[in-house]
Amino acid sequence: MKHRHLSQPVLRTGLADRTDCNCQIRMTNDKIRSNYQIAMTKPANGQLKALRHSGFGIHSSFVIYHSSFLLAVGSFVGTAGTAAGLTIGWTNNMLSISGPEIPGGKVDTWYLEAFCRSGSTHRDWRQTTIPHKTELVSADKNGKRLKLRTIVEGNIEVLHDIRAGKDDVDFRLTLHNRGAQFADVQWFQPCMRVDRVTQRNQTNYIDKSFIFTGRGLTTLDKTRRMEAAIYRGGQVYVPKGINLEDVNPRPISPDQPVHGLIGCFSADDRYLLAMAWDRTQELFQGVIVCLHNDPRVGGLKAGETKKLHGKIYLLKNDPEALLKRYKRDFPE
């Protein structure tokens, strides 16, 4: 049976949208006529002979006019196609995802917050994080693709290929240990801010946030929440097979996620936002109205290369459709 979280009717494109589009096309036609139209009056015999000799008669003028029209309309359609879907940008370690249907206008992700060593659960956070620096390598003019490069202390290079689609953002990462020693890089943190989408604050956004447990989709206010930890606040959800000594030093819930998905519903319950990776160290509800799927690296031997794949989804509020997409993108 299909499960929804307070789903609302889907908005459909109305007559106004079609009218706007037609107006833009008419405006384009008018501009073409004013700029490119060639007089179609009958030329004098001498002029006709000259035109025939040069190859620019009435028929040629007609072809030029309509070729110009097709080029202009093609340009209009190409621009509209480029603007469709999501776009991305990156500056000052913040990845911004924008799109016409994103509640609140955009989603910011601290990319990346931290790289982490093992033994993190019961010690000072400053002893866990590994210094790193990320730089922009390239960005296409349409806001559809970014390439980043991160250098992590210990001679680790991470190359990021990030692409925006119609309703998701795809992450392809290559991590390479260029050093001669084992690198204890166990996991890292993309910190996805959800305040704009949920229109909530730190005190009340957990009932809009969810993971998947053995009970199915479970909002975080319905999970078993602990308080004891080195740092109070937030909640950590640890997948099966991950060492409980190697996660965030905040309260760890006994509820275990069964999928690498964490997400939230929009304030009007029409959309959902979710993050997933093919290998997960932890799912984490943070302390700045944020949600994490923190990808697992598991260390890198000297000379070793590993690849990771991630997604951020922005979909209509249909958890069943989200699961279907997740299982397609991340086969077991």
Protein backbone atom coordinates (compact mmCIF):
# COMPACT_ATOMS: atom_id res chain seq x y z
CA MET A 1 0.00 0.00 0.00
CA LYS A 2 1.28 3.45 -0.91
CA HIS A 3 2.36 5.59 2.07
CA ARG A 4 2.37 9.36 2.02
CA HIS A 5 3.12 11.97 4.66
CA LEU A 6 0.17 14.39 4.56
CA SER A 7 0.35 14.59 0.78
CA GLN A 8 -1.23 17.57 -0.93
CA PRO A 9 -2.63 17.79 -4.49
CA VAL A 10 0.01 18.24 -7.12
CA LEU A 11 0.01 21.66 -8.77
CA ARG A 12 -0.46 21.45 -12.53
CA THR A 13 0.78 23.86 -15.15
CA GLY A 14 -2.11 26.22 -15.84
CA LEU A 15 -3.34 28.25 -18.78
CA ALA A 16 -1.38 31.23 -17.54
CA ASP A 17 1.88 29.29 -17.99
CA ARG A 18 0.95 28.33 -21.56
CA THR A 19 -0.13 31.90 -22.30
CA ASP A 20 3.20 33.23 -21.00
CA CYS A 21 5.07 30.79 -23.21
CA ASN A 22 3.00 31.76 -26.27
CA CYS A 23 3.59 35.43 -25.53
CA GLN A 24 7.34 34.82 -25.43
CA ILE A 25 7.19 33.03 -28.78
CA ARG A 26 5.11 35.84 -30.31
CA MET A 27 7.57 38.40 -28.99
CA THR A 28 10.36 36.38 -30.56
CA ASN A 29 8.52 36.33 -33.90
CA ASP A 30 7.91 40.09 -33.79
CA LYS A 31 11.57 40.72 -33.12
CA ILE A 32 12.58 38.51 -36.01
CA ARG A 33 10.21 40.31 -38.36
CA SER A 34 11.54 43.70 -37.36
CA ASN A 35 15.19 42.69 -37.60
CA TYR A 36 15.32 40.19 -40.40
CA GLN A 37 12.32 40.57 -42.72
CA ILE A 38 13.27 41.35 -46.34
CA ALA A 39 10.90 43.30 -48.59
CA MET A 40 8.94 40.98 -50.87
CA THR A 41 7.97 43.57 -53.51
CA LYS A 42 8.61 42.73 -57.17
CA PRO A 43 11.95 44.14 -58.31
CA ALA A 44 12.55 45.90 -61.63
CA ASN A 45 13.89 43.73 -64.47
CA GLY A 46 17.44 44.93 -63.99
CA GLN A 47 17.24 44.31 -60.29
CA LEU A 48 15.79 40.84 -60.89
CA LYS A 49 18.66 39.96 -63.19
CA ALA A 50 21.16 41.16 -60.60
CA LEU A 51 19.43 39.22 -57.88
CA ARG A 52 19.42 36.05 -59.95
CA HIS A 53 23.08 36.52 -60.74
CA SER A 54 23.99 36.94 -57.09
CA GLY A 55 21.75 34.10 -55.93
CA PHE A 56 19.64 36.29 -53.62
CA GLY A 57 16.21 36.29 -55.21
CA ILE A 58 12.80 36.28 -53.58
CA HIS A 59 12.98 32.55 -52.79
CA SER A 60 16.39 32.98 -51.15
CA SER A 61 15.06 35.87 -49.09
CA PHE A 62 12.20 33.64 -47.92
CA VAL A 63 14.68 30.92 -46.94
CA ILE A 64 16.88 33.39 -45.05
CA TYR A 65 13.88 34.76 -43.18
CA HIS A 66 12.60 31.37 -42.13
CA SER A 67 16.08 30.07 -41.30
CA SER A 68 16.50 33.05 -39.00
CA PHE A 69 13.13 32.28 -37.43
CA LEU A 70 14.07 28.65 -36.81
CA LEU A 71 17.44 29.61 -35.35
CA ALA A 72 15.82 32.09 -33.00
CA VAL A 73 13.11 29.68 -31.89
CA GLY A 74 15.75 26.99 -31.46
CA SER A 75 17.72 29.36 -29.28
CA PHE A 76 14.59 30.05 -27.19
CA VAL A 77 13.87 26.35 -26.72
CA GLY A 78 17.52 25.59 -25.91
CA THR A 79 17.57 28.27 -23.23
CA ALA A 80 14.35 26.96 -21.71
CA GLY A 81 15.73 23.41 -21.68
CA THR A 82 18.96 24.54 -20.02
CA ALA A 83 17.05 26.28 -17.24
CA ALA A 84 14.87 23.24 -16.53
CA GLY A 85 15.44 21.24 -13.37
CA LEU A 86 18.00 21.95 -10.67
CA THR A 87 21.15 24.05 -10.85
CA ILE A 88 24.20 24.03 -8.57
CA GLY A 89 26.92 26.39 -7.44
CA TRP A 90 29.78 26.18 -4.94
CA THR A 91 31.61 28.89 -3.04
CA ASN A 92 33.24 29.18 0.40
CA ASN A 93 32.67 25.45 1.05
CA MET A 94 28.92 25.79 0.52
CA LEU A 95 27.13 23.85 -2.21
CA SER A 96 23.89 25.56 -3.22
CA ILE A 97 21.11 23.73 -5.07
CA SER A 98 18.52 25.97 -6.72
CA GLY A 99 15.35 25.26 -8.64
CA PRO A 100 11.87 26.65 -9.28
CA GLU A 101 10.16 23.96 -7.21
CA ILE A 102 12.50 23.94 -4.21
CA PRO A 103 10.57 25.08 -1.14
CA GLY A 104 12.39 28.12 0.19
CA GLY A 105 14.20 28.64 -3.12
CA LYS A 106 17.39 26.67 -2.50
CA VAL A 107 19.15 24.06 -0.39
CA ASP A 108 22.60 24.77 1.06
CA THR A 109 25.00 21.98 2.00
CA TRP A 110 28.25 22.58 3.88
CA TYR A 111 30.47 20.69 1.46
CA LEU A 112 32.49 19.58 3.22
CA GLU A 113 32.27 20.05 6.97
CA ALA A 114 34.87 17.53 8.17
CA PHE A 115 36.98 14.43 7.47
CA CYS A 116 37.20 12.10 10.44
CA ARG A 117 39.56 9.55 12.02
CA SER A 118 38.57 6.36 13.81
CA GLY A 119 37.93 6.30 17.58
CA SER A 120 35.72 9.38 17.39
CA THR A 121 32.76 8.49 19.61
CA HIS A 122 34.27 9.15 23.04
CA ARG A 123 36.79 11.92 22.51
CA ASP A 124 37.13 15.61 21.79
CA TRP A 125 35.93 16.44 18.27
CA ARG A 126 39.10 18.42 17.52
CA GLN A 127 41.13 15.22 17.86
CA THR A 128 38.90 13.50 15.30
CA THR A 129 38.79 15.97 12.43
CA ILE A 130 41.53 15.95 9.79
CA PRO A 131 42.53 19.25 8.16
CA HIS A 132 41.36 19.56 4.57
CA LYS A 133 40.94 22.18 1.86
CA THR A 134 38.57 22.12 -1.13
CA GLU A 135 38.93 24.18 -4.31
CA LEU A 136 36.80 24.70 -7.40
CA VAL A 137 38.29 23.10 -10.51
CA SER A 138 35.55 23.97 -13.00
CA ALA A 139 31.89 25.00 -13.26
CA ASP A 140 29.81 25.03 -16.43
CA LYS A 141 27.93 28.20 -17.33
CA ASN A 142 24.52 26.51 -17.10
CA GLY A 143 24.94 25.54 -13.43
CA LYS A 144 24.63 21.86 -14.24
CA ARG A 145 28.10 20.52 -13.43
CA LEU A 146 30.86 21.22 -10.92
CA LYS A 147 34.29 19.70 -10.42
CA LEU A 148 36.01 20.14 -7.06
CA ARG A 149 39.32 18.96 -5.61
CA THR A 150 39.94 18.33 -1.91
CA ILE A 151 43.33 17.75 -0.34
CA VAL A 152 43.13 16.01 3.04
CA GLU A 153 46.13 16.07 5.37
CA GLY A 154 48.14 12.90 4.87
CA ASN A 155 48.41 13.34 1.09
CA ILE A 156 44.85 12.28 0.26
CA GLU A 157 43.30 13.70 -2.91
CA VAL A 158 39.53 13.68 -3.44
CA LEU A 159 38.09 14.56 -6.87
CA HIS A 160 34.40 15.47 -6.99
CA ASP A 161 32.23 15.36 -10.11
CA ILE A 162 28.82 16.85 -9.21
CA ARG A 163 25.94 17.06 -11.69
CA ALA A 164 22.47 18.57 -11.36
CA GLY A 165 19.55 16.77 -12.97
CA LYS A 166 15.84 17.38 -13.21
CA ASP A 167 15.09 16.41 -9.60
CA ASP A 168 18.38 15.18 -8.14
CA VAL A 169 22.05 16.04 -7.75
CA ASP A 170 24.55 13.27 -8.46
CA PHE A 171 27.95 12.97 -6.71
CA ARG A 172 30.83 10.87 -8.07
CA LEU A 173 33.93 10.93 -5.89
CA THR A 174 37.38 9.43 -6.39
CA LEU A 175 39.61 9.25 -3.31
CA HIS A 176 43.32 8.48 -3.74
CA ASN A 177 46.06 8.03 -1.14
CA ARG A 178 49.13 9.54 -2.75
CA GLY A 179 51.23 8.86 0.34
CA ALA A 180 53.37 5.92 1.42
CA GLN A 181 51.44 5.22 4.64
CA PHE A 182 47.95 4.04 5.58
CA ALA A 183 45.57 7.00 5.95
CA ASP A 184 43.03 6.72 8.77
CA VAL A 185 40.28 8.59 6.93
CA GLN A 186 37.15 6.73 8.03
CA TRP A 187 34.32 9.05 6.99
CA PHE A 188 33.43 12.61 6.09
CA GLN A 189 30.52 15.01 6.51
CA PRO A 190 28.34 16.81 3.94
CA CYS A 191 26.03 18.92 6.13
CA MET A 192 22.66 19.52 4.41
CA ARG A 193 20.70 22.51 5.79
CA VAL A 194 16.94 21.94 5.85
CA ASP A 195 15.62 25.08 7.55
CA ARG A 196 14.30 26.66 4.32
CA VAL A 197 12.58 23.48 3.18
CA THR A 198 10.94 22.61 6.49
CA GLN A 199 10.39 26.20 7.69
CA ARG A 200 11.32 24.89 11.14
CA ASN A 201 14.05 25.64 13.67
CA GLN A 202 16.32 23.51 15.83
CA THR A 203 13.61 22.87 18.42
CA ASN A 204 10.95 21.40 16.14
CA TYR A 205 12.28 20.15 12.78
CA ILE A 206 12.66 16.51 13.79
CA ASP A 207 8.98 15.71 13.22
CA LYS A 208 9.55 16.79 9.59
CA SER A 209 12.68 14.64 9.26
CA PHE A 210 12.85 10.90 8.60
CA ILE A 211 14.92 7.77 8.18
CA PHE A 212 13.86 4.22 7.29
CA THR A 213 13.87 1.64 10.10
CA GLY A 214 12.40 -1.83 10.40
CA ARG A 215 9.04 -0.08 10.84
CA GLY A 216 9.36 1.66 7.47
CA LEU A 217 9.57 5.43 7.10
CA THR A 218 10.03 6.79 10.61
CA THR A 219 10.04 10.47 11.51
CA LEU A 220 12.84 11.30 13.93
CA ASP A 221 10.48 12.33 16.71
CA LYS A 222 9.21 8.73 16.65
CA THR A 223 12.67 7.16 17.05
CA ARG A 224 14.15 6.24 20.41
CA ARG A 225 16.24 9.27 21.31
CA MET A 226 19.15 9.21 23.73
CA GLU A 227 20.82 12.07 25.61
CA ALA A 228 24.04 10.68 27.08
CA ALA A 229 27.16 11.58 25.06
CA ILE A 230 30.24 13.78 25.17
CA TYR A 231 28.28 16.43 23.28
CA ARG A 232 24.56 16.91 23.92
CA GLY A 233 22.04 17.60 21.20
CA GLY A 234 21.33 15.90 17.89
CA GLN A 235 20.99 12.17 17.30
CA VAL A 236 23.14 9.56 15.54
CA TYR A 237 21.69 6.56 13.68
CA VAL A 238 24.27 3.87 12.96
CA PRO A 239 23.80 1.26 10.20
CA LYS A 240 24.50 -2.43 10.77
CA GLY A 241 28.19 -3.33 10.57
CA ILE A 242 29.60 0.06 11.64
CA ASN A 243 31.79 0.19 14.75
CA LEU A 244 29.99 2.25 17.40
CA GLU A 245 33.37 3.64 18.48
CA ASP A 246 33.81 5.38 15.11
CA VAL A 247 30.84 7.74 14.87
CA ASN A 248 29.81 11.23 15.88
CA PRO A 249 30.33 11.93 19.62
CA ARG A 250 26.66 12.80 20.11
CA PRO A 251 23.76 10.67 21.42
CA ILE A 252 23.35 7.37 19.56
CA SER A 253 19.82 6.08 19.00
CA PRO A 254 19.17 2.34 19.44
CA ASP A 255 17.08 2.51 16.25
CA GLN A 256 19.09 1.21 13.33
CA PRO A 257 18.52 2.52 9.79
CA VAL A 258 17.84 -0.12 7.14
CA HIS A 259 18.52 2.17 4.17
CA GLY A 260 21.13 4.82 3.47
CA LEU A 261 18.46 7.52 3.24
CA ILE A 262 17.80 10.49 5.46
CA GLY A 263 15.47 13.31 4.54
CA CYS A 264 12.69 15.72 5.41
CA PHE A 265 9.28 16.93 4.21
CA SER A 266 8.63 20.48 3.07
CA ALA A 267 6.58 22.80 5.26
CA ASP A 268 3.51 22.30 3.05
CA ASP A 269 4.10 18.52 2.79
CA ARG A 270 4.15 18.65 -1.00
CA TYR A 271 7.83 17.74 -1.43
CA LEU A 272 10.54 15.67 0.18
CA LEU A 273 14.29 16.25 0.27
CA ALA A 274 16.66 13.33 0.90
CA MET A 275 20.34 12.39 0.79
CA ALA A 276 21.89 8.97 0.12
CA TRP A 277 25.35 7.44 -0.44
CA ASP A 278 26.38 3.97 -1.51
CA ARG A 279 28.40 3.52 1.70
CA THR A 280 27.26 5.12 4.95
CA GLN A 281 29.10 5.57 8.24
CA GLU A 282 26.17 7.22 10.01
CA LEU A 283 22.94 9.10 9.57
CA PHE A 284 22.92 12.18 11.74
CA GLN A 285 20.41 14.79 12.83
CA GLY A 286 22.63 17.71 13.72
CA VAL A 287 22.46 20.87 15.75
CA ILE A 288 22.06 23.58 13.08
CA VAL A 289 18.78 22.41 11.46
CA CYS A 290 20.76 19.98 9.32
CA LEU A 291 20.67 16.35 8.22
CA HIS A 292 23.65 14.15 7.33
CA ASN A 293 24.33 10.99 5.45
CA ASP A 294 28.03 10.80 6.28
CA PRO A 295 29.78 8.61 3.67
CA ARG A 296 32.11 5.83 4.78
CA VAL A 297 35.67 5.71 3.45
CA GLY A 298 37.05 3.00 5.75
CA GLY A 299 40.67 4.16 5.49
CA LEU A 300 43.02 4.15 2.52
CA LYS A 301 46.12 2.02 2.10
CA ALA A 302 49.23 3.54 0.53
CA GLY A 303 48.48 4.11 -3.14
CA GLU A 304 44.87 2.94 -2.80
CA THR A 305 41.97 4.48 -4.71
CA LYS A 306 38.29 4.27 -3.74
CA LYS A 307 35.15 5.59 -5.39
CA LEU A 308 31.92 6.82 -3.78
CA HIS A 309 28.52 7.64 -5.22
CA GLY A 310 25.92 9.93 -3.65
CA LYS A 311 22.59 11.60 -4.41
CA ILE A 312 20.45 14.44 -3.15
CA TYR A 313 16.82 14.02 -4.19
CA LEU A 314 14.07 16.65 -4.43
CA LEU A 315 10.83 14.80 -5.22
CA LYS A 316 7.10 15.09 -4.84
CA ASN A 317 5.98 13.77 -1.45
CA ASP A 318 5.92 10.07 -2.33
CA PRO A 319 8.16 7.95 -0.08
CA GLU A 320 7.41 4.87 -2.16
CA ALA A 321 8.75 6.63 -5.27
CA LEU A 322 11.80 7.75 -3.27
CA LEU A 323 12.56 4.16 -2.25
CA LYS A 324 12.15 3.01 -5.84
CA ARG A 325 14.63 5.63 -7.05
CA TYR A 326 17.05 4.81 -4.24
CA LYS A 327 17.04 1.09 -5.00
CA ARG A 328 17.57 1.83 -8.70
CA ASP A 329 20.47 4.21 -8.03
CA PHE A 330 22.05 2.13 -5.26
CA PRO A 331 21.52 -1.59 -5.93
CA GLU A 332 22.20 -3.79 -2.92
